[in-house]
């Protein structure tokens, strides 16, 4: 499992427990389906278990962002490490997402 999801009536929290490399990004796409289905809610994506993200992983995050935007929800990414933060900065993703420590 790459993504564990918890929810209460208001907030959905997805915790990434592995790197989003090319192999894991496809699995992540399948496991994030409940978040896509509830994109009208507040979603917190906890990246404390992720040390690396590749372009395939970034694409999956964009898919989630797009769905949240279309359904009027809210997406916040929390606990990214310095390496992932750097990737977000050089790709422009830092400006696309609400990122908190």
C-alpha atoms as a PDB file:
ATOM      1  CA  UNK A   1       0.000   0.000   0.000  1.00  0.00           C
ATOM      2  CA  UNK A   2       1.317   3.408  -1.011  1.00  0.00           C
ATOM      3  CA  UNK A   3      -1.568   5.530   0.216  1.00  0.00           C
ATOM      4  CA  UNK A   4      -3.600   5.147   3.363  1.00  0.00           C
ATOM      5  CA  UNK A   5      -6.787   7.158   3.582  1.00  0.00           C
ATOM      6  CA  UNK A   6      -8.706   8.242   6.653  1.00  0.00           C
ATOM      7  CA  UNK A   7     -11.778  10.397   6.737  1.00  0.00           C
ATOM      8  CA  UNK A   8     -14.270  11.969   9.023  1.00  0.00           C
ATOM      9  CA  UNK A   9     -17.379  13.697   7.790  1.00  0.00           C
ATOM     10  CA  UNK A  10     -15.448  16.810   6.786  1.00  0.00           C
ATOM     11  CA  UNK A  11     -11.779  16.050   6.066  1.00  0.00           C
ATOM     12  CA  UNK A  12     -10.134  13.288   4.046  1.00  0.00           C
ATOM     13  CA  UNK A  13      -6.484  12.620   4.865  1.00  0.00           C
ATOM     14  CA  UNK A  14      -4.280  10.647   2.516  1.00  0.00           C
ATOM     15  CA  UNK A  15      -0.873   9.585   3.824  1.00  0.00           C
ATOM     16  CA  UNK A  16       1.736   8.611   1.267  1.00  0.00           C
ATOM     17  CA  UNK A  17       3.883   5.819   2.668  1.00  0.00           C
ATOM     18  CA  UNK A  18       6.344   5.297  -0.215  1.00  0.00           C
ATOM     19  CA  UNK A  19       8.185   7.183  -2.921  1.00  0.00           C
ATOM     20  CA  UNK A  20       6.124   8.169  -5.945  1.00  0.00           C
ATOM     21  CA  UNK A  21       8.505   6.772  -8.519  1.00  0.00           C
ATOM     22  CA  UNK A  22       7.420   5.475 -11.919  1.00  0.00           C
ATOM     23  CA  UNK A  23       6.350   2.076 -10.613  1.00  0.00           C
ATOM     24  CA  UNK A  24       4.493   3.362  -7.560  1.00  0.00           C
ATOM     25  CA  UNK A  25       2.747   6.222  -9.378  1.00  0.00           C
ATOM     26  CA  UNK A  26       0.420   3.798 -11.191  1.00  0.00           C
ATOM     27  CA  UNK A  27      -0.510   2.095  -7.947  1.00  0.00           C
ATOM     28  CA  UNK A  28      -0.975   5.475  -6.280  1.00  0.00           C
ATOM     29  CA  UNK A  29      -3.380   6.445  -9.073  1.00  0.00           C
ATOM     30  CA  UNK A  30      -5.583   3.464  -8.229  1.00  0.00           C
ATOM     31  CA  UNK A  31      -5.349   3.975  -4.478  1.00  0.00           C
ATOM     32  CA  UNK A  32      -6.284   7.673  -4.671  1.00  0.00           C
ATOM     33  CA  UNK A  33      -9.688   6.943  -6.262  1.00  0.00           C
ATOM     34  CA  UNK A  34     -11.563   7.606  -2.983  1.00  0.00           C
ATOM     35  CA  UNK A  35      -9.929  11.043  -2.841  1.00  0.00           C
ATOM     36  CA  UNK A  36     -10.997  11.775  -6.415  1.00  0.00           C
ATOM     37  CA  UNK A  37     -14.534  10.662  -5.611  1.00  0.00           C
ATOM     38  CA  UNK A  38     -14.610  13.015  -2.613  1.00  0.00           C
ATOM     39  CA  UNK A  39     -12.810  15.933  -4.246  1.00  0.00           C
ATOM     40  CA  UNK A  40     -15.603  18.253  -3.145  1.00  0.00           C
ATOM     41  CA  UNK A  41     -14.328  17.915   0.441  1.00  0.00           C
ATOM     42  CA  UNK A  42     -11.211  19.111   2.213  1.00  0.00           C
ATOM     43  CA  UNK A  43      -8.303  16.809   1.390  1.00  0.00           C
ATOM     44  CA  UNK A  44      -4.992  16.785   3.217  1.00  0.00           C
ATOM     45  CA  UNK A  45      -2.188  14.870   1.544  1.00  0.00           C
ATOM     46  CA  UNK A  46       0.507  13.950   4.083  1.00  0.00           C
ATOM     47  CA  UNK A  47       3.820  13.355   2.316  1.00  0.00           C
ATOM     48  CA  UNK A  48       5.917  12.563   5.389  1.00  0.00           C
ATOM     49  CA  UNK A  49       6.538   9.013   4.114  1.00  0.00           C
ATOM     50  CA  UNK A  50       7.648  10.148   0.657  1.00  0.00           C
ATOM     51  CA  UNK A  51      11.304  10.921   0.017  1.00  0.00           C
ATOM     52  CA  UNK A  52      11.165  11.164  -3.792  1.00  0.00           C
ATOM     53  CA  UNK A  53       8.673  12.002  -6.523  1.00  0.00           C
ATOM     54  CA  UNK A  54       9.114  11.573 -10.278  1.00  0.00           C
ATOM     55  CA  UNK A  55       7.225  13.125 -13.170  1.00  0.00           C
ATOM     56  CA  UNK A  56       4.647  10.313 -13.089  1.00  0.00           C
ATOM     57  CA  UNK A  57       3.968  11.054  -9.421  1.00  0.00           C
ATOM     58  CA  UNK A  58       3.708  14.774 -10.152  1.00  0.00           C
ATOM     59  CA  UNK A  59       1.167  13.990 -12.877  1.00  0.00           C
ATOM     60  CA  UNK A  60      -0.982  12.089 -10.356  1.00  0.00           C
ATOM     61  CA  UNK A  61      -0.908  15.063  -7.984  1.00  0.00           C
ATOM     62  CA  UNK A  62      -2.006  17.304 -10.859  1.00  0.00           C
ATOM     63  CA  UNK A  63      -4.889  14.939 -11.560  1.00  0.00           C
ATOM     64  CA  UNK A  64      -6.003  15.227  -7.947  1.00  0.00           C
ATOM     65  CA  UNK A  65      -5.608  19.015  -7.984  1.00  0.00           C
ATOM     66  CA  UNK A  66      -7.670  19.292 -11.173  1.00  0.00           C
ATOM     67  CA  UNK A  67     -10.496  17.167  -9.738  1.00  0.00           C
ATOM     68  CA  UNK A  68     -10.521  19.110  -6.465  1.00  0.00           C
ATOM     69  CA  UNK A  69     -10.672  22.372  -8.414  1.00  0.00           C
ATOM     70  CA  UNK A  70     -13.517  21.117 -10.592  1.00  0.00           C
ATOM     71  CA  UNK A  71     -15.570  19.922  -7.627  1.00  0.00           C
ATOM     72  CA  UNK A  72     -14.902  22.898  -5.364  1.00  0.00           C
ATOM     73  CA  UNK A  73     -12.920  21.093  -2.686  1.00  0.00           C
ATOM     74  CA  UNK A  74      -9.682  22.064  -1.027  1.00  0.00           C
ATOM     75  CA  UNK A  75      -6.323  20.287  -1.298  1.00  0.00           C
ATOM     76  CA  UNK A  76      -3.447  20.885   1.097  1.00  0.00           C
ATOM     77  CA  UNK A  77      -0.108  19.084   0.899  1.00  0.00           C
ATOM     78  CA  UNK A  78       1.769  18.743   4.183  1.00  0.00           C
ATOM     79  CA  UNK A  79       5.109  17.432   5.445  1.00  0.00           C
ATOM     80  CA  UNK A  80       7.222  17.390   2.295  1.00  0.00           C
ATOM     81  CA  UNK A  81      10.940  16.929   2.817  1.00  0.00           C
ATOM     82  CA  UNK A  82      13.610  19.223   1.396  1.00  0.00           C
ATOM     83  CA  UNK A  83      14.291  17.046  -1.666  1.00  0.00           C
ATOM     84  CA  UNK A  84      10.615  16.914  -2.650  1.00  0.00           C
ATOM     85  CA  UNK A  85      10.281  20.644  -1.887  1.00  0.00           C
ATOM     86  CA  UNK A  86      13.163  21.294  -4.302  1.00  0.00           C
ATOM     87  CA  UNK A  87      11.459  19.240  -7.031  1.00  0.00           C
ATOM     88  CA  UNK A  88       8.236  21.179  -6.450  1.00  0.00           C
ATOM     89  CA  UNK A  89      10.124  24.468  -6.707  1.00  0.00           C
ATOM     90  CA  UNK A  90      12.023  23.700  -9.926  1.00  0.00           C
ATOM     91  CA  UNK A  91       8.913  22.313 -11.645  1.00  0.00           C
ATOM     92  CA  UNK A  92       6.647  25.190 -10.590  1.00  0.00           C
ATOM     93  CA  UNK A  93       4.429  22.915  -8.503  1.00  0.00           C
ATOM     94  CA  UNK A  94       5.119  24.978  -5.408  1.00  0.00           C
ATOM     95  CA  UNK A  95       2.928  27.721  -6.871  1.00  0.00           C
ATOM     96  CA  UNK A  96       0.184  25.289  -7.895  1.00  0.00           C
ATOM     97  CA  UNK A  97      -0.461  23.722  -4.492  1.00  0.00           C
ATOM     98  CA  UNK A  98      -1.195  24.856  -0.957  1.00  0.00           C
ATOM     99  CA  UNK A  99       1.883  23.407   0.771  1.00  0.00           C
ATOM    100  CA  UNK A 100       2.257  23.536   4.541  1.00  0.00           C
ATOM    101  CA  UNK A 101       4.817  22.192   7.001  1.00  0.00           C
END
